[in-house]
C-alpha atoms as a PDB file:
ATOM      1  CA  MET A   1     202.304  53.346 196.753  1.00  0.00           C
ATOM      2  CA  GLN A   2     200.499  56.012 198.302  1.00  0.00           C
ATOM      3  CA  VAL A   3     197.069  57.853 196.954  1.00  0.00           C
ATOM      4  CA  ARG A   4     199.560  60.762 195.225  1.00  0.00           C
ATOM      5  CA  ASP A   5     201.136  58.095 193.201  1.00  0.00           C
ATOM      6  CA  VAL A   6     197.405  57.453 191.500  1.00  0.00           C
ATOM      7  CA  MET A   7     194.753  60.215 192.150  1.00  0.00           C
ATOM      8  CA  VAL A   8     192.807  62.102 189.629  1.00  0.00           C
ATOM      9  CA  ALA A   9     193.604  66.242 189.837  1.00  0.00           C
ATOM     10  CA  PRO A  10     192.469  68.719 189.584  1.00  0.00           C
ATOM     11  CA  VAL A  11     188.979  67.136 190.554  1.00  0.00           C
ATOM     12  CA  ILE A  12     185.947  68.014 188.803  1.00  0.00           C
ATOM     13  CA  THR A  13     183.516  69.461 191.342  1.00  0.00           C
ATOM     14  CA  VAL A  14     180.072  70.522 191.801  1.00  0.00           C
ATOM     15  CA  SER A  15     177.875  72.792 194.349  1.00  0.00           C
ATOM     16  CA  PRO A  16     174.632  71.646 196.131  1.00  0.00           C
ATOM     17  CA  SER A  17     172.750  73.801 194.031  1.00  0.00           C
ATOM     18  CA  SER A  18     173.472  72.386 190.851  1.00  0.00           C
ATOM     19  CA  THR A  19     170.720  70.813 189.578  1.00  0.00           C
ATOM     20  CA  VAL A  20     170.394  67.190 188.838  1.00  0.00           C
ATOM     21  CA  GLN A  21     170.166  67.419 184.834  1.00  0.00           C
ATOM     22  CA  GLU A  22     173.504  69.805 184.992  1.00  0.00           C
ATOM     23  CA  VAL A  23     175.306  67.395 186.950  1.00  0.00           C
ATOM     24  CA  ALA A  24     174.148  64.624 184.614  1.00  0.00           C
ATOM     25  CA  LYS A  25     174.946  66.475 181.785  1.00  0.00           C
ATOM     26  CA  LEU A  26     178.330  66.976 183.945  1.00  0.00           C
ATOM     27  CA  LEU A  27     179.223  63.308 184.289  1.00  0.00           C
ATOM     28  CA  LEU A  28     178.127  62.447 180.515  1.00  0.00           C
ATOM     29  CA  ASP A  29     180.466  65.195 179.060  1.00  0.00           C
ATOM     30  CA  GLU A  30     183.745  64.949 181.642  1.00  0.00           C
ATOM     31  CA  ARG A  31     182.991  60.669 181.408  1.00  0.00           C
ATOM     32  CA  ILE A  32     183.719  60.687 185.024  1.00  0.00           C
ATOM     33  CA  SER A  33     180.781  58.822 187.479  1.00  0.00           C
ATOM     34  CA  ALA A  34     180.793  61.324 190.544  1.00  0.00           C
ATOM     35  CA  ALA A  35     181.357  64.736 191.263  1.00  0.00           C
ATOM     36  CA  PRO A  36     182.143  65.576 195.372  1.00  0.00           C
ATOM     37  CA  VAL A  37     180.125  68.367 196.625  1.00  0.00           C
ATOM     38  CA  LEU A  38     181.469  71.642 197.707  1.00  0.00           C
ATOM     39  CA  ASP A  39     180.058  74.125 199.718  1.00  0.00           C
ATOM     40  CA  SER A  40     181.118  77.827 199.050  1.00  0.00           C
ATOM     41  CA  GLU A  41     183.811  77.893 201.434  1.00  0.00           C
ATOM     42  CA  GLY A  42     185.178  74.784 199.322  1.00  0.00           C
ATOM     43  CA  ARG A  43     184.588  72.033 201.904  1.00  0.00           C
ATOM     44  CA  LEU A  44     183.472  68.569 201.261  1.00  0.00           C
ATOM     45  CA  VAL A  45     179.642  68.205 202.405  1.00  0.00           C
ATOM     46  CA  GLY A  46     179.012  65.242 200.111  1.00  0.00           C
ATOM     47  CA  ILE A  47     179.283  63.455 196.309  1.00  0.00           C
ATOM     48  CA  VAL A  48     176.717  62.733 193.789  1.00  0.00           C
ATOM     49  CA  SER A  49     177.125  60.009 191.671  1.00  0.00           C
ATOM     50  CA  GLU A  50     175.725  58.085 188.719  1.00  0.00           C
ATOM     51  CA  GLY A  51     174.456  55.602 191.369  1.00  0.00           C
ATOM     52  CA  ASP A  52     172.425  58.761 193.170  1.00  0.00           C
ATOM     53  CA  LEU A  53     170.734  59.402 189.493  1.00  0.00           C
ATOM     54  CA  LEU A  54     169.898  55.617 188.706  1.00  0.00           C
ATOM     55  CA  HIS A  55     166.648  56.079 190.167  1.00  0.00           C
ATOM     56  CA  ARG A  56     164.584  59.093 188.347  1.00  0.00           C
ATOM     57  CA  VAL A  57     160.962  59.871 187.059  1.00  0.00           C
ATOM     58  CA  GLU A  58     162.684  62.007 184.231  1.00  0.00           C
ATOM     59  CA  ALA A  59     164.050  59.012 182.852  1.00  0.00           C
ATOM     60  CA  GLY A  60     161.144  56.073 183.901  1.00  0.00           C
ATOM     61  CA  THR A  61     163.397  54.541 186.044  1.00  0.00           C
ATOM     62  CA  LYS A  62     161.550  55.440 189.553  1.00  0.00           C
ATOM     63  CA  ARG A  63     161.774  52.603 191.661  1.00  0.00           C
ATOM     64  CA  ARG A  64     158.526  50.680 191.429  1.00  0.00           C
ATOM     65  CA  ARG A  65     157.375  48.226 194.222  1.00  0.00           C
ATOM     66  CA  SER A  66     154.327  45.774 194.234  1.00  0.00           C
ATOM     67  CA  TRP A  67     151.416  46.986 196.428  1.00  0.00           C
ATOM     68  CA  TRP A  68     152.592  44.024 199.124  1.00  0.00           C
ATOM     69  CA  LEU A  69     156.301  44.627 199.064  1.00  0.00           C
ATOM     70  CA  GLN A  70     155.462  48.926 199.467  1.00  0.00           C
ATOM     71  CA  ALA A  71     153.140  47.838 202.690  1.00  0.00           C
ATOM     72  CA  LEU A  72     156.090  46.305 204.119  1.00  0.00           C
ATOM     73  CA  THR A  73     158.381  49.136 203.207  1.00  0.00           C
ATOM     74  CA  GLY A  74     158.711  51.954 205.711  1.00  0.00           C
ATOM     75  CA  ASN A  75     157.568  55.467 205.079  1.00  0.00           C
ATOM     76  CA  ASN A  76     160.872  57.026 205.662  1.00  0.00           C
ATOM     77  CA  THR A  77     162.139  54.955 203.091  1.00  0.00           C
ATOM     78  CA  LEU A  78     159.357  55.230 200.708  1.00  0.00           C
ATOM     79  CA  ALA A  79     159.727  59.644 201.481  1.00  0.00           C
ATOM     80  CA  THR A  80     163.536  58.822 200.633  1.00  0.00           C
ATOM     81  CA  GLU A  81     163.279  57.017 197.424  1.00  0.00           C
ATOM     82  CA  TYR A  82     160.698  60.039 196.652  1.00  0.00           C
ATOM     83  CA  ILE A  83     163.224  62.449 197.236  1.00  0.00           C
ATOM     84  CA  LYS A  84     165.671  60.861 195.169  1.00  0.00           C
ATOM     85  CA  ALA A  85     163.421  60.203 192.183  1.00  0.00           C
ATOM     86  CA  HIS A  86     162.101  63.834 191.838  1.00  0.00           C
ATOM     87  CA  ALA A  87     164.426  66.229 193.555  1.00  0.00           C
ATOM     88  CA  ARG A  88     165.808  69.173 191.848  1.00  0.00           C
ATOM     89  CA  LYS A  89     168.822  69.685 193.361  1.00  0.00           C
ATOM     90  CA  VAL A  90     171.854  68.270 193.950  1.00  0.00           C
ATOM     91  CA  ALA A  91     171.750  68.736 197.919  1.00  0.00           C
ATOM     92  CA  ASP A  92     168.914  66.696 198.069  1.00  0.00           C
ATOM     93  CA  VAL A  93     170.080  63.272 196.372  1.00  0.00           C
ATOM     94  CA  MET A  94     173.641  63.836 196.857  1.00  0.00           C
ATOM     95  CA  THR A  95     175.587  60.956 199.187  1.00  0.00           C
ATOM     96  CA  ARG A  96     176.690  63.031 202.255  1.00  0.00           C
ATOM     97  CA  ASP A  97     178.766  60.771 204.466  1.00  0.00           C
ATOM     98  CA  VAL A  98     181.852  60.833 202.464  1.00  0.00           C
ATOM     99  CA  ILE A  99     184.276  58.158 203.001  1.00  0.00           C
ATOM    100  CA  THR A 100     187.895  59.791 202.369  1.00  0.00           C
ATOM    101  CA  ALA A 101     191.777  59.511 202.553  1.00  0.00           C
ATOM    102  CA  SER A 102     194.638  61.763 202.661  1.00  0.00           C
ATOM    103  CA  LEU A 103     197.766  61.916 200.500  1.00  0.00           C
ATOM    104  CA  GLN A 104     200.007  59.309 202.557  1.00  0.00           C
ATOM    105  CA  THR A 105     197.386  57.093 202.912  1.00  0.00           C
ATOM    106  CA  PRO A 106     199.002  53.638 201.307  1.00  0.00           C
ATOM    107  CA  LEU A 107     196.803  52.076 198.184  1.00  0.00           C
ATOM    108  CA  HIS A 108     196.123  48.754 199.952  1.00  0.00           C
ATOM    109  CA  GLU A 109     194.100  50.936 202.838  1.00  0.00           C
ATOM    110  CA  ILE A 110     192.412  52.826 199.703  1.00  0.00           C
ATOM    111  CA  ALA A 111     191.142  49.280 198.447  1.00  0.00           C
ATOM    112  CA  THR A 112     190.264  48.035 201.756  1.00  0.00           C
ATOM    113  CA  LEU A 113     187.778  51.054 202.202  1.00  0.00           C
ATOM    114  CA  MET A 114     186.568  50.544 198.939  1.00  0.00           C
ATOM    115  CA  GLU A 115     185.687  47.229 199.534  1.00  0.00           C
ATOM    116  CA  LYS A 116     184.731  47.649 202.968  1.00  0.00           C
ATOM    117  CA  ASN A 117     182.028  50.049 202.192  1.00  0.00           C
ATOM    118  CA  ALA A 118     180.972  49.050 198.855  1.00  0.00           C
ATOM    119  CA  ILE A 119     182.093  52.434 196.971  1.00  0.00           C
ATOM    120  CA  LYS A 120     183.578  53.114 194.100  1.00  0.00           C
ATOM    121  CA  ARG A 121     185.807  56.096 194.707  1.00  0.00           C
ATOM    122  CA  VAL A 122     187.440  58.150 197.538  1.00  0.00           C
ATOM    123  CA  PRO A 123     188.178  61.407 197.667  1.00  0.00           C
ATOM    124  CA  ILE A 124     191.485  62.587 198.818  1.00  0.00           C
ATOM    125  CA  LEU A 125     191.512  65.666 201.328  1.00  0.00           C
ATOM    126  CA  GLU A 126     194.484  68.098 202.548  1.00  0.00           C
ATOM    127  CA  ASN A 127     193.652  70.570 205.188  1.00  0.00           C
ATOM    128  CA  GLY A 128     190.427  69.912 204.846  1.00  0.00           C
ATOM    129  CA  HIS A 129     190.205  70.753 201.380  1.00  0.00           C
ATOM    130  CA  VAL A 130     189.359  68.053 198.070  1.00  0.00           C
ATOM    131  CA  VAL A 131     192.892  67.815 196.215  1.00  0.00           C
ATOM    132  CA  GLY A 132     192.077  64.990 194.310  1.00  0.00           C
ATOM    133  CA  ILE A 133     190.335  61.279 193.950  1.00  0.00           C
ATOM    134  CA  VAL A 134     190.812  57.550 194.024  1.00  0.00           C
ATOM    135  CA  SER A 135     188.593  55.252 191.604  1.00  0.00           C
ATOM    136  CA  ARG A 136     188.471  51.396 191.611  1.00  0.00           C
ATOM    137  CA  ALA A 137     190.317  52.315 188.131  1.00  0.00           C
ATOM    138  CA  ASN A 138     193.023  54.413 189.490  1.00  0.00           C
ATOM    139  CA  LEU A 139     194.052  51.015 191.061  1.00  0.00           C
ATOM    140  CA  LEU A 140     193.484  48.796 188.496  1.00  0.00           C
ATOM    141  CA  GLN A 141     195.360  51.291 186.394  1.00  0.00           C
ATOM    142  CA  ALA A 142     198.248  51.267 189.019  1.00  0.00           C
ATOM    143  CA  VAL A 143     198.336  47.096 188.657  1.00  0.00           C
ATOM    144  CA  ALA A 144     198.951  47.421 184.825  1.00  0.00           C
ATOM    145  CA  SER A 145     201.654  50.229 184.959  1.00  0.00           C
ATOM    146  CA  SER A 146     203.762  48.079 187.847  1.00  0.00           C
ATOM    147  CA  HIS A 147     207.062  46.515 187.223  1.00  0.00           C
ATOM    148  CA  THR A 148     210.045  45.504 189.079  1.00  0.00           C
ATOM    149  CA  MET A 149     213.048  47.364 187.999  1.00  0.00           C
ATOM    150  CA  LEU A 150     216.421  45.062 188.493  1.00  0.00           C
ATOM    151  CA  GLU A 151     219.512  46.888 187.776  1.00  0.00           C
ATOM    152  CA  VAL A 152     221.395  43.531 188.627  1.00  0.00           C
ATOM    153  CA  SER A 153     219.847  40.080 188.627  1.00  0.00           C
ATOM    154  CA  PRO A 154     220.044  38.288 191.350  1.00  0.00           C
ATOM    155  CA  SER A 155     221.799  35.163 191.843  1.00  0.00           C
ATOM    156  CA  ASP A 156     220.078  31.581 192.122  1.00  0.00           C
ATOM    157  CA  GLN A 157     221.131  31.544 195.630  1.00  0.00           C
ATOM    158  CA  ALA A 158     219.566  34.751 196.430  1.00  0.00           C
ATOM    159  CA  ILE A 159     216.092  34.185 194.689  1.00  0.00           C
ATOM    160  CA  ARG A 160     216.121  31.220 196.506  1.00  0.00           C
ATOM    161  CA  GLU A 161     216.303  33.025 199.705  1.00  0.00           C
ATOM    162  CA  ARG A 162     214.273  35.656 199.098  1.00  0.00           C
ATOM    163  CA  ILE A 163     211.378  33.120 198.208  1.00  0.00           C
ATOM    164  CA  LEU A 164     212.043  31.173 201.756  1.00  0.00           C
ATOM    165  CA  SER A 165     212.540  34.331 203.239  1.00  0.00           C
ATOM    166  CA  SER A 166     208.877  35.715 202.016  1.00  0.00           C
ATOM    167  CA  LEU A 167     207.281  32.348 203.049  1.00  0.00           C
ATOM    168  CA  LYS A 168     208.475  32.179 206.621  1.00  0.00           C
ATOM    169  CA  SER A 169     206.885  35.483 206.832  1.00  0.00           C
ATOM    170  CA  GLU A 170     203.176  33.837 206.080  1.00  0.00           C
ATOM    171  CA  PRO A 171     201.382  31.920 208.610  1.00  0.00           C
ATOM    172  CA  TRP A 172     199.817  29.775 206.211  1.00  0.00           C
ATOM    173  CA  ALA A 173     203.048  28.270 204.615  1.00  0.00           C
ATOM    174  CA  HIS A 174     204.641  25.221 205.769  1.00  0.00           C
ATOM    175  CA  ILE A 175     208.139  25.631 205.424  1.00  0.00           C
ATOM    176  CA  SER A 176     209.335  22.335 206.986  1.00  0.00           C
ATOM    177  CA  LEU A 177     207.827  20.108 203.932  1.00  0.00           C
ATOM    178  CA  LEU A 178     209.112  22.632 201.299  1.00  0.00           C
ATOM    179  CA  ASN A 179     212.465  22.921 199.781  1.00  0.00           C
ATOM    180  CA  VAL A 180     213.227  24.876 196.854  1.00  0.00           C
ATOM    181  CA  THR A 181     215.699  24.773 194.325  1.00  0.00           C
ATOM    182  CA  VAL A 182     217.280  27.418 191.364  1.00  0.00           C
ATOM    183  CA  TYR A 183     218.837  27.138 188.420  1.00  0.00           C
ATOM    184  CA  GLY A 184     219.123  30.281 185.844  1.00  0.00           C
ATOM    185  CA  GLY A 185     216.534  31.775 187.099  1.00  0.00           C
ATOM    186  CA  VAL A 186     214.173  28.580 187.113  1.00  0.00           C
ATOM    187  CA  VAL A 187     212.620  27.313 190.426  1.00  0.00           C
ATOM    188  CA  ASP A 188     211.776  23.886 191.408  1.00  0.00           C
ATOM    189  CA  LEU A 189     209.187  23.659 194.013  1.00  0.00           C
ATOM    190  CA  TRP A 190     209.712  20.082 195.908  1.00  0.00           C
ATOM    191  CA  GLY A 191     208.294  18.827 199.123  1.00  0.00           C
ATOM    192  CA  MET A 192     204.351  19.058 200.162  1.00  0.00           C
ATOM    193  CA  ALA A 193     201.583  21.465 200.282  1.00  0.00           C
ATOM    194  CA  ASP A 194     198.585  21.193 203.045  1.00  0.00           C
ATOM    195  CA  SER A 195     196.276  22.144 200.319  1.00  0.00           C
ATOM    196  CA  SER A 196     195.812  22.769 196.908  1.00  0.00           C
ATOM    197  CA  ILE A 197     194.902  26.679 198.204  1.00  0.00           C
ATOM    198  CA  GLU A 198     198.598  26.428 199.731  1.00  0.00           C
ATOM    199  CA  ARG A 199     200.085  24.728 196.713  1.00  0.00           C
ATOM    200  CA  LYS A 200     198.656  27.382 194.753  1.00  0.00           C
ATOM    201  CA  ALA A 201     200.098  30.570 197.345  1.00  0.00           C
ATOM    202  CA  ILE A 202     203.460  28.982 197.230  1.00  0.00           C
ATOM    203  CA  ARG A 203     203.702  28.674 193.189  1.00  0.00           C
ATOM    204  CA  VAL A 204     202.479  33.107 193.573  1.00  0.00           C
ATOM    205  CA  ALA A 205     204.884  33.746 195.825  1.00  0.00           C
ATOM    206  CA  ALA A 206     207.823  31.849 193.460  1.00  0.00           C
ATOM    207  CA  GLU A 207     206.430  33.616 190.802  1.00  0.00           C
ATOM    208  CA  SER A 208     206.106  37.015 191.984  1.00  0.00           C
ATOM    209  CA  THR A 209     209.958  37.002 192.970  1.00  0.00           C
ATOM    210  CA  PRO A 210     212.290  39.590 191.523  1.00  0.00           C
ATOM    211  CA  GLY A 211     214.606  37.706 188.710  1.00  0.00           C
ATOM    212  CA  VAL A 212     212.237  34.313 188.369  1.00  0.00           C
ATOM    213  CA  SER A 213     212.101  33.982 184.789  1.00  0.00           C
ATOM    214  CA  ALA A 214     209.682  30.217 185.496  1.00  0.00           C
ATOM    215  CA  VAL A 215     208.550  27.995 188.123  1.00  0.00           C
ATOM    216  CA  ASN A 216     208.223  24.189 187.964  1.00  0.00           C
ATOM    217  CA  ASP A 217     205.456  22.990 190.612  1.00  0.00           C
ATOM    218  CA  ASN A 218     206.841  19.624 192.019  1.00  0.00           C
ATOM    219  CA  LEU A 219     204.929  19.529 195.140  1.00  0.00           C
ATOM    220  CA  VAL A 220     202.472  16.945 196.568  1.00  0.00           C
ATOM    221  CA  THR A 221     198.947  18.213 198.128  1.00  0.00           C
ATOM    222  CA  ARG A 222     198.247  16.369 201.092  1.00  0.00           C
ATOM    223  CA  PRO A 223     195.098  14.292 201.047  1.00  0.00           C
ATOM    224  CA  ALA A 224     192.279  15.475 202.941  1.00  0.00           C
ATOM    225  CA  GLY A 225     192.216  12.896 204.910  1.00  0.00           C
ATOM    226  CA  GLY A 226     195.559  12.505 205.695  1.00  0.00           C
ATOM    227  CA  TRP A 227     197.905   9.532 204.534  1.00  0.00           C
ATOM    228  CA  GLU A 228     197.004   6.086 205.460  1.00  0.00           C
END
């Protein structure tokens, strides 16, 4: 699946001149956790999220440090935190370095971007303009709504070949130690796995193969010290 298949559009946006109070109300009213920030020409210049409004003087949540920890904190960091807590305009509290993606970006790349950069959402751009946004929740929705379409139930032989072919492409799988039998869509796994993790991965590979109705795990796990 690609970004275009799960993204939310149109996107609720704000301007750099919007006030912090306006954005806070918008996030609550629209039940969203962030909004891209667009300039007067519609270009993405930042994103403002709940995290940017977490430590605010109005709510009494301004970050507080003990005197000794404050003494160890750099002046630039303290000044930045002061701005986040007291600024009135979105331009002063928004995150400027925004990670973006295109309509054609595969979802696995979006998941990697979120994990690598510790972010919860990714604005989607087309020709320099925001056309959508993808959040972690949207990825979960893709998982929840996914299903395998089978026009014709595959034969037991076809199921077996699919499982073995899939495992052969995995560097962690020791195919020479494995045998697979299939009867009526029920898979039996036989042989040896190098570890409990490999054994679990083999079972998952079998269970996720189209046409499989059940999996019997008869594998033996090689002892950590090898066979005596």
